[in-house]
Structures are given as structure tokens and as C-alpha cells.
């Protein structure tokens, strides 16, 4: 369990004693978990970005069909000088 008493000056909230104890136990479990991870031998292990064999599941960003400006604006209810015309907003 972590004693949160030294950190009370930095706390932005006030907790009753039983909740402080619970918070201390939970934070202690988190800290213990990280301490256990620090003991794992990782010398010579390459960093892993993903457990999947794929390098990228996303397609390449390549345009396969180009639409001209006139074709695009042909469906616009209003246009002005080659742009969509929309109501003004404040």
C-alpha cells in the first residue's frame, strides 16, 4: 500500500480516511505492477510496435478516379466562382 499522506499537499480533492486507504492500496498495486515489469529481462529484445505480422493494414493513399471541378460542382445547389456557395455563419 502507498502512503498518500506525503502527497496531500498536491491533491486537488479531499478524501475520507477509508477512501484514502483504498486509493493507497490501488495505487500501490499499479506501482507494484510496474516494478514487476522492470524486473523482466529485455536485453537483446527488439522493440515491438505490433504483435501482428502486417506492417500496415491501411491501403496506400492513391487516388484512382479524378473528378473535375465542373463535375463536382454540377450537384451543388449554388456555386460561385468555382466554389460551393453556402449560407454564412456567425
PDB file of N, CA and C in Angstrom:
ATOM      1  N   UNK A   1       0.837  -1.175   0.000  1.00  0.00           N
ATOM      2  CA  UNK A   1       0.000   0.000   0.000  1.00  0.00           C
ATOM      3  C   UNK A   1       0.886   1.243   0.000  1.00  0.00           C
ATOM      4  N   UNK A   2       0.469   2.244  -0.757  1.00  0.00           N
ATOM      5  CA  UNK A   2       1.202   3.507  -0.807  1.00  0.00           C
ATOM      6  C   UNK A   2       0.626   4.449   0.239  1.00  0.00           C
ATOM      7  N   UNK A   3       1.521   5.097   0.979  1.00  0.00           N
ATOM      8  CA  UNK A   3       1.088   6.110   1.935  1.00  0.00           C
ATOM      9  C   UNK A   3       0.944   7.424   1.170  1.00  0.00           C
ATOM     10  N   UNK A   4      -0.298   7.894   0.995  1.00  0.00           N
ATOM     11  CA  UNK A   4      -0.500   9.109   0.219  1.00  0.00           C
ATOM     12  C   UNK A   4      -0.406  10.373   1.070  1.00  0.00           C
ATOM     13  N   UNK A   5      -0.118  10.207   2.373  1.00  0.00           N
ATOM     14  CA  UNK A   5      -0.008  11.353   3.280  1.00  0.00           C
ATOM     15  C   UNK A   5       1.009  12.392   2.777  1.00  0.00           C
ATOM     16  N   UNK A   6       2.212  11.986   2.317  1.00  0.00           N
ATOM     17  CA  UNK A   6       3.176  12.995   1.850  1.00  0.00           C
ATOM     18  C   UNK A   6       2.691  13.770   0.620  1.00  0.00           C
ATOM     19  N   UNK A   7       1.715  13.231  -0.087  1.00  0.00           N
ATOM     20  CA  UNK A   7       1.266  13.867  -1.326  1.00  0.00           C
ATOM     21  C   UNK A   7      -0.006  14.690  -1.149  1.00  0.00           C
ATOM     22  N   UNK A   8      -0.492  14.804   0.076  1.00  0.00           N
ATOM     23  CA  UNK A   8      -1.753  15.506   0.321  1.00  0.00           C
ATOM     24  C   UNK A   8      -1.704  16.960  -0.113  1.00  0.00           C
ATOM     25  N   UNK A   9      -0.535  17.602  -0.033  1.00  0.00           N
ATOM     26  CA  UNK A   9      -0.414  18.998  -0.440  1.00  0.00           C
ATOM     27  C   UNK A   9      -0.696  19.177  -1.929  1.00  0.00           C
ATOM     28  N   UNK A  10      -0.421  18.138  -2.716  1.00  0.00           N
ATOM     29  CA  UNK A  10      -0.608  18.227  -4.165  1.00  0.00           C
ATOM     30  C   UNK A  10      -1.999  17.776  -4.603  1.00  0.00           C
ATOM     31  N   UNK A  11      -2.763  17.185  -3.707  1.00  0.00           N
ATOM     32  CA  UNK A  11      -4.079  16.656  -4.070  1.00  0.00           C
ATOM     33  C   UNK A  11      -5.064  17.798  -4.295  1.00  0.00           C
ATOM     34  N   UNK A  12      -5.863  17.669  -5.337  1.00  0.00           N
ATOM     35  CA  UNK A  12      -6.859  18.682  -5.665  1.00  0.00           C
ATOM     36  C   UNK A  12      -8.229  18.333  -5.073  1.00  0.00           C
ATOM     37  N   UNK A  13      -8.295  17.286  -4.281  1.00  0.00           N
ATOM     38  CA  UNK A  13      -9.558  16.855  -3.697  1.00  0.00           C
ATOM     39  C   UNK A  13      -9.291  16.294  -2.306  1.00  0.00           C
ATOM     40  N   UNK A  14     -10.336  16.268  -1.523  1.00  0.00           N
ATOM     41  CA  UNK A  14     -10.211  15.759  -0.162  1.00  0.00           C
ATOM     42  C   UNK A  14     -10.973  14.446  -0.068  1.00  0.00           C
ATOM     43  N   UNK A  15     -10.347  13.423   0.459  1.00  0.00           N
ATOM     44  CA  UNK A  15     -10.979  12.111   0.580  1.00  0.00           C
ATOM     45  C   UNK A  15     -11.103  11.720   2.040  1.00  0.00           C
ATOM     46  N   UNK A  16     -12.217  11.060   2.393  1.00  0.00           N
ATOM     47  CA  UNK A  16     -12.312  10.499   3.742  1.00  0.00           C
ATOM     48  C   UNK A  16     -11.243   9.417   3.937  1.00  0.00           C
ATOM     49  N   UNK A  17     -10.941   9.105   5.180  1.00  0.00           N
ATOM     50  CA  UNK A  17      -9.880   8.152   5.505  1.00  0.00           C
ATOM     51  C   UNK A  17     -10.003   6.802   4.830  1.00  0.00           C
ATOM     52  N   UNK A  18     -11.236   6.228   4.789  1.00  0.00           N
ATOM     53  CA  UNK A  18     -11.375   4.897   4.185  1.00  0.00           C
ATOM     54  C   UNK A  18     -11.128   4.939   2.682  1.00  0.00           C
ATOM     55  N   UNK A  19     -11.501   6.046   2.030  1.00  0.00           N
ATOM     56  CA  UNK A  19     -11.244   6.160   0.593  1.00  0.00           C
ATOM     57  C   UNK A  19      -9.768   6.400   0.325  1.00  0.00           C
ATOM     58  N   UNK A  20      -9.107   7.111   1.226  1.00  0.00           N
ATOM     59  CA  UNK A  20      -7.659   7.306   1.089  1.00  0.00           C
ATOM     60  C   UNK A  20      -6.932   5.967   1.160  1.00  0.00           C
ATOM     61  N   UNK A  21      -7.368   5.123   2.089  1.00  0.00           N
ATOM     62  CA  UNK A  21      -6.743   3.804   2.229  1.00  0.00           C
ATOM     63  C   UNK A  21      -6.961   2.969   0.967  1.00  0.00           C
ATOM     64  N   UNK A  22      -8.193   3.009   0.450  1.00  0.00           N
ATOM     65  CA  UNK A  22      -8.498   2.271  -0.778  1.00  0.00           C
ATOM     66  C   UNK A  22      -7.664   2.788  -1.942  1.00  0.00           C
ATOM     67  N   UNK A  23      -7.576   4.114  -2.074  1.00  0.00           N
ATOM     68  CA  UNK A  23      -6.775   4.707  -3.138  1.00  0.00           C
ATOM     69  C   UNK A  23      -5.310   4.312  -2.987  1.00  0.00           C
ATOM     70  N   UNK A  24      -4.815   4.316  -1.748  1.00  0.00           N
ATOM     71  CA  UNK A  24      -3.433   3.913  -1.496  1.00  0.00           C
ATOM     72  C   UNK A  24      -3.171   2.475  -1.916  1.00  0.00           C
ATOM     73  N   UNK A  25      -4.118   1.573  -1.604  1.00  0.00           N
ATOM     74  CA  UNK A  25      -3.952   0.159  -2.000  1.00  0.00           C
ATOM     75  C   UNK A  25      -3.972   0.018  -3.519  1.00  0.00           C
ATOM     76  N   UNK A  26      -4.891   0.722  -4.167  1.00  0.00           N
ATOM     77  CA  UNK A  26      -4.990   0.607  -5.634  1.00  0.00           C
ATOM     78  C   UNK A  26      -3.766   1.190  -6.324  1.00  0.00           C
ATOM     79  N   UNK A  27      -3.306   2.341  -5.868  1.00  0.00           N
ATOM     80  CA  UNK A  27      -2.095   2.922  -6.456  1.00  0.00           C
ATOM     81  C   UNK A  27      -0.886   2.041  -6.178  1.00  0.00           C
ATOM     82  N   UNK A  28      -0.865   1.442  -4.998  1.00  0.00           N
ATOM     83  CA  UNK A  28       0.223   0.525  -4.671  1.00  0.00           C
ATOM     84  C   UNK A  28       0.262  -0.661  -5.618  1.00  0.00           C
ATOM     85  N   UNK A  29      -0.906  -1.180  -5.976  1.00  0.00           N
ATOM     86  CA  UNK A  29      -0.971  -2.305  -6.915  1.00  0.00           C
ATOM     87  C   UNK A  29      -0.437  -1.905  -8.284  1.00  0.00           C
ATOM     88  N   UNK A  30      -0.744  -0.683  -8.710  1.00  0.00           N
ATOM     89  CA  UNK A  30      -0.237  -0.198 -10.000  1.00  0.00           C
ATOM     90  C   UNK A  30       1.283  -0.077  -9.957  1.00  0.00           C
ATOM     91  N   UNK A  31       1.800   0.530  -8.904  1.00  0.00           N
ATOM     92  CA  UNK A  31       3.249   0.701  -8.767  1.00  0.00           C
ATOM     93  C   UNK A  31       3.937  -0.661  -8.693  1.00  0.00           C
ATOM     94  N   UNK A  32       3.360  -1.598  -7.948  1.00  0.00           N
ATOM     95  CA  UNK A  32       3.933  -2.947  -7.867  1.00  0.00           C
ATOM     96  C   UNK A  32       3.955  -3.621  -9.231  1.00  0.00           C
ATOM     97  N   UNK A  33       2.912  -3.401 -10.021  1.00  0.00           N
ATOM     98  CA  UNK A  33       2.861  -3.980 -11.372  1.00  0.00           C
ATOM     99  C   UNK A  33       3.987  -3.456 -12.244  1.00  0.00           C
ATOM    100  N   UNK A  34       4.251  -2.134 -12.162  1.00  0.00           N
ATOM    101  CA  UNK A  34       5.353  -1.574 -12.940  1.00  0.00           C
ATOM    102  C   UNK A  34       6.699  -2.064 -12.416  1.00  0.00           C
ATOM    103  N   UNK A  35       6.815  -2.214 -11.119  1.00  0.00           N
ATOM    104  CA  UNK A  35       8.062  -2.719 -10.548  1.00  0.00           C
ATOM    105  C   UNK A  35       8.325  -4.143 -11.043  1.00  0.00           C
ATOM    106  N   UNK A  36       7.271  -4.928 -11.151  1.00  0.00           N
ATOM    107  CA  UNK A  36       7.432  -6.297 -11.663  1.00  0.00           C
ATOM    108  C   UNK A  36       7.868  -6.277 -13.123  1.00  0.00           C
ATOM    109  N   UNK A  37       7.317  -5.356 -13.912  1.00  0.00           N
ATOM    110  CA  UNK A  37       7.727  -5.248 -15.315  1.00  0.00           C
ATOM    111  C   UNK A  37       9.180  -4.824 -15.450  1.00  0.00           C
ATOM    112  N   UNK A  38       9.661  -3.996 -14.533  1.00  0.00           N
ATOM    113  CA  UNK A  38      11.054  -3.560 -14.583  1.00  0.00           C
ATOM    114  C   UNK A  38      12.022  -4.715 -14.364  1.00  0.00           C
ATOM    115  N   UNK A  39      11.579  -5.764 -13.709  1.00  0.00           N
ATOM    116  CA  UNK A  39      12.450  -6.910 -13.436  1.00  0.00           C
ATOM    117  C   UNK A  39      12.549  -7.870 -14.623  1.00  0.00           C
ATOM    118  N   UNK A  40      11.725  -7.695 -15.635  1.00  0.00           N
ATOM    119  CA  UNK A  40      11.760  -8.583 -16.796  1.00  0.00           C
ATOM    120  C   UNK A  40      13.014  -8.285 -17.615  1.00  0.00           C
ATOM    121  N   UNK A  41      13.758  -9.323 -17.952  1.00  0.00           N
ATOM    122  CA  UNK A  41      14.984  -9.166 -18.736  1.00  0.00           C
ATOM    123  C   UNK A  41      14.625  -8.893 -20.199  1.00  0.00           C
ATOM    124  N   UNK A  42      15.019  -7.730 -20.688  1.00  0.00           N
ATOM    125  CA  UNK A  42      14.703  -7.361 -22.066  1.00  0.00           C
ATOM    126  C   UNK A  42      15.952  -7.089 -22.893  1.00  0.00           C
ATOM    127  N   UNK A  43      17.122  -7.436 -22.377  1.00  0.00           N
ATOM    128  CA  UNK A  43      18.364  -7.217 -23.121  1.00  0.00           C
ATOM    129  C   UNK A  43      18.330  -8.021 -24.417  1.00  0.00           C
ATOM    130  N   UNK A  44      18.641  -7.362 -25.518  1.00  0.00           N
ATOM    131  CA  UNK A  44      18.692  -8.033 -26.817  1.00  0.00           C
ATOM    132  C   UNK A  44      17.336  -8.247 -27.460  1.00  0.00           C
ATOM    133  N   UNK A  45      16.286  -7.732 -26.868  1.00  0.00           N
ATOM    134  CA  UNK A  45      14.948  -7.895 -27.429  1.00  0.00           C
ATOM    135  C   UNK A  45      14.616  -6.665 -28.266  1.00  0.00           C
ATOM    136  N   UNK A  46      14.238  -6.896 -29.519  1.00  0.00           N
ATOM    137  CA  UNK A  46      13.874  -5.785 -30.402  1.00  0.00           C
ATOM    138  C   UNK A  46      12.564  -5.164 -29.941  1.00  0.00           C
ATOM    139  N   UNK A  47      12.451  -3.842 -30.005  1.00  0.00           N
ATOM    140  CA  UNK A  47      11.183  -3.188 -29.655  1.00  0.00           C
ATOM    141  C   UNK A  47      10.068  -3.670 -30.577  1.00  0.00           C
ATOM    142  N   UNK A  48       8.894  -3.857 -30.022  1.00  0.00           N
ATOM    143  CA  UNK A  48       7.761  -4.380 -30.778  1.00  0.00           C
ATOM    144  C   UNK A  48       6.700  -3.294 -30.898  1.00  0.00           C
ATOM    145  N   UNK A  49       6.333  -2.987 -32.135  1.00  0.00           N
ATOM    146  CA  UNK A  49       5.300  -1.988 -32.375  1.00  0.00           C
ATOM    147  C   UNK A  49       3.928  -2.650 -32.391  1.00  0.00           C
ATOM    148  N   UNK A  50       3.865  -3.851 -32.945  1.00  0.00           N
ATOM    149  CA  UNK A  50       2.598  -4.562 -33.054  1.00  0.00           C
ATOM    150  C   UNK A  50       2.851  -6.056 -32.968  1.00  0.00           C
ATOM    151  N   UNK A  51       1.879  -6.781 -32.454  1.00  0.00           N
ATOM    152  CA  UNK A  51       2.015  -8.231 -32.390  1.00  0.00           C
ATOM    153  C   UNK A  51       1.622  -8.878 -33.716  1.00  0.00           C
ATOM    154  N   UNK A  52       1.080  -8.114 -34.627  1.00  0.00           N
ATOM    155  CA  UNK A  52       0.670  -8.632 -35.925  1.00  0.00           C
ATOM    156  C   UNK A  52       1.844  -8.653 -36.889  1.00  0.00           C
ATOM    157  N   UNK A  53       1.819  -9.583 -37.845  1.00  0.00           N
ATOM    158  CA  UNK A  53       2.876  -9.666 -38.850  1.00  0.00           C
ATOM    159  C   UNK A  53       2.754  -8.584 -39.905  1.00  0.00           C
ATOM    160  N   UNK A  54       1.596  -7.980 -40.000  1.00  0.00           N
ATOM    161  CA  UNK A  54       1.366  -6.963 -41.029  1.00  0.00           C
ATOM    162  C   UNK A  54       2.121  -5.682 -40.683  1.00  0.00           C
ATOM    163  N   UNK A  55       2.626  -5.047 -41.720  1.00  0.00           N
ATOM    164  CA  UNK A  55       3.306  -3.775 -41.500  1.00  0.00           C
ATOM    165  C   UNK A  55       2.298  -2.635 -41.464  1.00  0.00           C
ATOM    166  N   UNK A  56       1.295  -2.703 -42.323  1.00  0.00           N
ATOM    167  CA  UNK A  56       0.261  -1.682 -42.343  1.00  0.00           C
ATOM    168  C   UNK A  56      -1.010  -2.310 -42.898  1.00  0.00           C
ATOM    169  N   UNK A  57      -2.091  -2.153 -42.164  1.00  0.00           N
ATOM    170  CA  UNK A  57      -3.352  -2.707 -42.633  1.00  0.00           C
ATOM    171  C   UNK A  57      -4.110  -1.692 -43.480  1.00  0.00           C
ATOM    172  N   UNK A  58      -3.570  -0.491 -43.587  1.00  0.00           N
ATOM    173  CA  UNK A  58      -4.225   0.548 -44.368  1.00  0.00           C
ATOM    174  C   UNK A  58      -3.747   0.513 -45.808  1.00  0.00           C
ATOM    175  N   UNK A  59      -4.626   0.863 -46.693  1.00  0.00           N
ATOM    176  CA  UNK A  59      -4.246   0.902 -48.105  1.00  0.00           C
ATOM    177  C   UNK A  59      -3.384   2.126 -48.361  1.00  0.00           C
ATOM    178  N   UNK A  60      -2.678   2.116 -49.469  1.00  0.00           N
ATOM    179  CA  UNK A  60      -1.913   3.293 -49.844  1.00  0.00           C
ATOM    180  C   UNK A  60      -2.880   4.403 -50.226  1.00  0.00           C
ATOM    181  N   UNK A  61      -2.506   5.608 -49.950  1.00  0.00           N
ATOM    182  CA  UNK A  61      -3.353   6.749 -50.249  1.00  0.00           C
ATOM    183  C   UNK A  61      -3.128   7.174 -51.702  1.00  0.00           C
ATOM    184  N   UNK A  62      -3.764   6.437 -52.608  1.00  0.00           N
ATOM    185  CA  UNK A  62      -3.614   6.689 -54.033  1.00  0.00           C
ATOM    186  C   UNK A  62      -4.990   6.953 -54.617  1.00  0.00           C
ATOM    187  N   UNK A  63      -5.101   8.058 -55.347  1.00  0.00           N
ATOM    188  CA  UNK A  63      -6.366   8.390 -55.984  1.00  0.00           C
ATOM    189  C   UNK A  63      -6.520   7.530 -57.236  1.00  0.00           C
ATOM    190  N   UNK A  64      -7.676   6.891 -57.392  1.00  0.00           N
ATOM    191  CA  UNK A  64      -7.860   6.057 -58.575  1.00  0.00           C
ATOM    192  C   UNK A  64      -8.845   6.662 -59.563  1.00  0.00           C
ATOM    193  N   UNK A  65      -9.591   7.675 -59.150  1.00  0.00           N
ATOM    194  CA  UNK A  65     -10.516   8.321 -60.065  1.00  0.00           C
ATOM    195  C   UNK A  65     -10.560   9.807 -59.735  1.00  0.00           C
ATOM    196  N   UNK A  66     -10.246  10.608 -60.716  1.00  0.00           N
ATOM    197  CA  UNK A  66     -10.270  12.041 -60.515  1.00  0.00           C
ATOM    198  C   UNK A  66     -11.563  12.615 -61.056  1.00  0.00           C
ATOM    199  N   UNK A  67     -12.127  13.545 -60.328  1.00  0.00           N
ATOM    200  CA  UNK A  67     -13.350  14.222 -60.749  1.00  0.00           C
ATOM    201  C   UNK A  67     -12.984  15.670 -61.014  1.00  0.00           C
ATOM    202  N   UNK A  68     -13.430  16.185 -62.129  1.00  0.00           N
ATOM    203  CA  UNK A  68     -13.131  17.577 -62.427  1.00  0.00           C
ATOM    204  C   UNK A  68     -13.957  18.489 -61.538  1.00  0.00           C
ATOM    205  N   UNK A  69     -13.520  19.712 -61.416  1.00  0.00           N
ATOM    206  CA  UNK A  69     -14.243  20.694 -60.607  1.00  0.00           C
ATOM    207  C   UNK A  69     -15.663  20.884 -61.142  1.00  0.00           C
ATOM    208  N   UNK A  70     -15.807  20.945 -62.449  1.00  0.00           N
ATOM    209  CA  UNK A  70     -17.148  21.133 -63.035  1.00  0.00           C
ATOM    210  C   UNK A  70     -18.067  19.959 -62.709  1.00  0.00           C
ATOM    211  N   UNK A  71     -17.536  18.721 -62.761  1.00  0.00           N
ATOM    212  CA  UNK A  71     -18.349  17.553 -62.403  1.00  0.00           C
ATOM    213  C   UNK A  71     -18.757  17.606 -60.929  1.00  0.00           C
ATOM    214  N   UNK A  72     -17.841  18.001 -60.087  1.00  0.00           N
ATOM    215  CA  UNK A  72     -18.115  18.076 -58.662  1.00  0.00           C
ATOM    216  C   UNK A  72     -19.160  19.147 -58.358  1.00  0.00           C
ATOM    217  N   UNK A  73     -19.020  20.309 -58.969  1.00  0.00           N
ATOM    218  CA  UNK A  73     -19.948  21.401 -58.708  1.00  0.00           C
ATOM    219  C   UNK A  73     -21.296  21.231 -59.408  1.00  0.00           C
ATOM    220  N   UNK A  74     -21.396  20.278 -60.313  1.00  0.00           N
ATOM    221  CA  UNK A  74     -22.663  20.085 -61.032  1.00  0.00           C
ATOM    222  C   UNK A  74     -23.799  19.681 -60.092  1.00  0.00           C
ATOM    223  N   UNK A  75     -23.491  19.110 -58.944  1.00  0.00           N
ATOM    224  CA  UNK A  75     -24.521  18.711 -57.978  1.00  0.00           C
ATOM    225  C   UNK A  75     -24.760  19.760 -56.894  1.00  0.00           C
ATOM    226  N   UNK A  76     -23.996  20.838 -56.912  1.00  0.00           N
ATOM    227  CA  UNK A  76     -24.141  21.857 -55.878  1.00  0.00           C
ATOM    228  C   UNK A  76     -25.391  22.692 -56.125  1.00  0.00           C
ATOM    229  N   UNK A  77     -26.203  22.924 -55.074  1.00  0.00           N
ATOM    230  CA  UNK A  77     -27.389  23.751 -55.260  1.00  0.00           C
ATOM    231  C   UNK A  77     -27.017  25.174 -55.673  1.00  0.00           C
ATOM    232  N   UNK A  78     -25.925  25.695 -55.124  1.00  0.00           N
ATOM    233  CA  UNK A  78     -25.431  27.017 -55.507  1.00  0.00           C
ATOM    234  C   UNK A  78     -23.919  26.983 -55.563  1.00  0.00           C
ATOM    235  N   UNK A  79     -23.360  27.755 -56.489  1.00  0.00           N
ATOM    236  CA  UNK A  79     -21.917  27.861 -56.593  1.00  0.00           C
ATOM    237  C   UNK A  79     -21.561  29.283 -57.006  1.00  0.00           C
ATOM    238  N   UNK A  80     -20.343  29.668 -56.692  1.00  0.00           N
ATOM    239  CA  UNK A  80     -19.871  30.994 -57.067  1.00  0.00           C
ATOM    240  C   UNK A  80     -18.383  30.913 -57.370  1.00  0.00           C
ATOM    241  N   UNK A  81     -18.021  31.294 -58.531  1.00  0.00           N
ATOM    242  CA  UNK A  81     -16.618  31.396 -58.934  1.00  0.00           C
ATOM    243  C   UNK A  81     -15.850  30.090 -58.720  1.00  0.00           C
ATOM    244  N   UNK A  82     -16.487  28.967 -59.009  1.00  0.00           N
ATOM    245  CA  UNK A  82     -15.828  27.678 -58.902  1.00  0.00           C
ATOM    246  C   UNK A  82     -15.823  27.064 -57.525  1.00  0.00           C
ATOM    247  N   UNK A  83     -16.608  27.623 -56.594  1.00  0.00           N
ATOM    248  CA  UNK A  83     -16.682  27.123 -55.234  1.00  0.00           C
ATOM    249  C   UNK A  83     -18.121  26.847 -54.837  1.00  0.00           C
ATOM    250  N   UNK A  84     -18.317  25.996 -53.826  1.00  0.00           N
ATOM    251  CA  UNK A  84     -19.644  25.807 -53.261  1.00  0.00           C
ATOM    252  C   UNK A  84     -20.079  27.095 -52.570  1.00  0.00           C
ATOM    253  N   UNK A  85     -21.318  27.480 -52.759  1.00  0.00           N
ATOM    254  CA  UNK A  85     -21.827  28.652 -52.064  1.00  0.00           C
ATOM    255  C   UNK A  85     -22.734  28.134 -50.945  1.00  0.00           C
ATOM    256  N   UNK A  86     -22.438  28.542 -49.742  1.00  0.00           N
ATOM    257  CA  UNK A  86     -23.200  28.099 -48.567  1.00  0.00           C
ATOM    258  C   UNK A  86     -23.653  29.318 -47.782  1.00  0.00           C
ATOM    259  N   UNK A  87     -24.694  29.145 -46.950  1.00  0.00           N
ATOM    260  CA  UNK A  87     -25.131  30.267 -46.139  1.00  0.00           C
ATOM    261  C   UNK A  87     -24.025  30.707 -45.167  1.00  0.00           C
ATOM    262  N   UNK A  88     -23.955  31.976 -44.913  1.00  0.00           N
ATOM    263  CA  UNK A  88     -22.965  32.491 -43.976  1.00  0.00           C
ATOM    264  C   UNK A  88     -23.276  32.054 -42.548  1.00  0.00           C
ATOM    265  N   UNK A  89     -22.234  31.932 -41.750  1.00  0.00           N
ATOM    266  CA  UNK A  89     -22.403  31.574 -40.337  1.00  0.00           C
ATOM    267  C   UNK A  89     -21.724  32.628 -39.480  1.00  0.00           C
ATOM    268  N   UNK A  90     -22.173  32.717 -38.261  1.00  0.00           N
ATOM    269  CA  UNK A  90     -21.603  33.711 -37.344  1.00  0.00           C
ATOM    270  C   UNK A  90     -20.665  33.020 -36.396  1.00  0.00           C
TER     271      UNK A  90
END
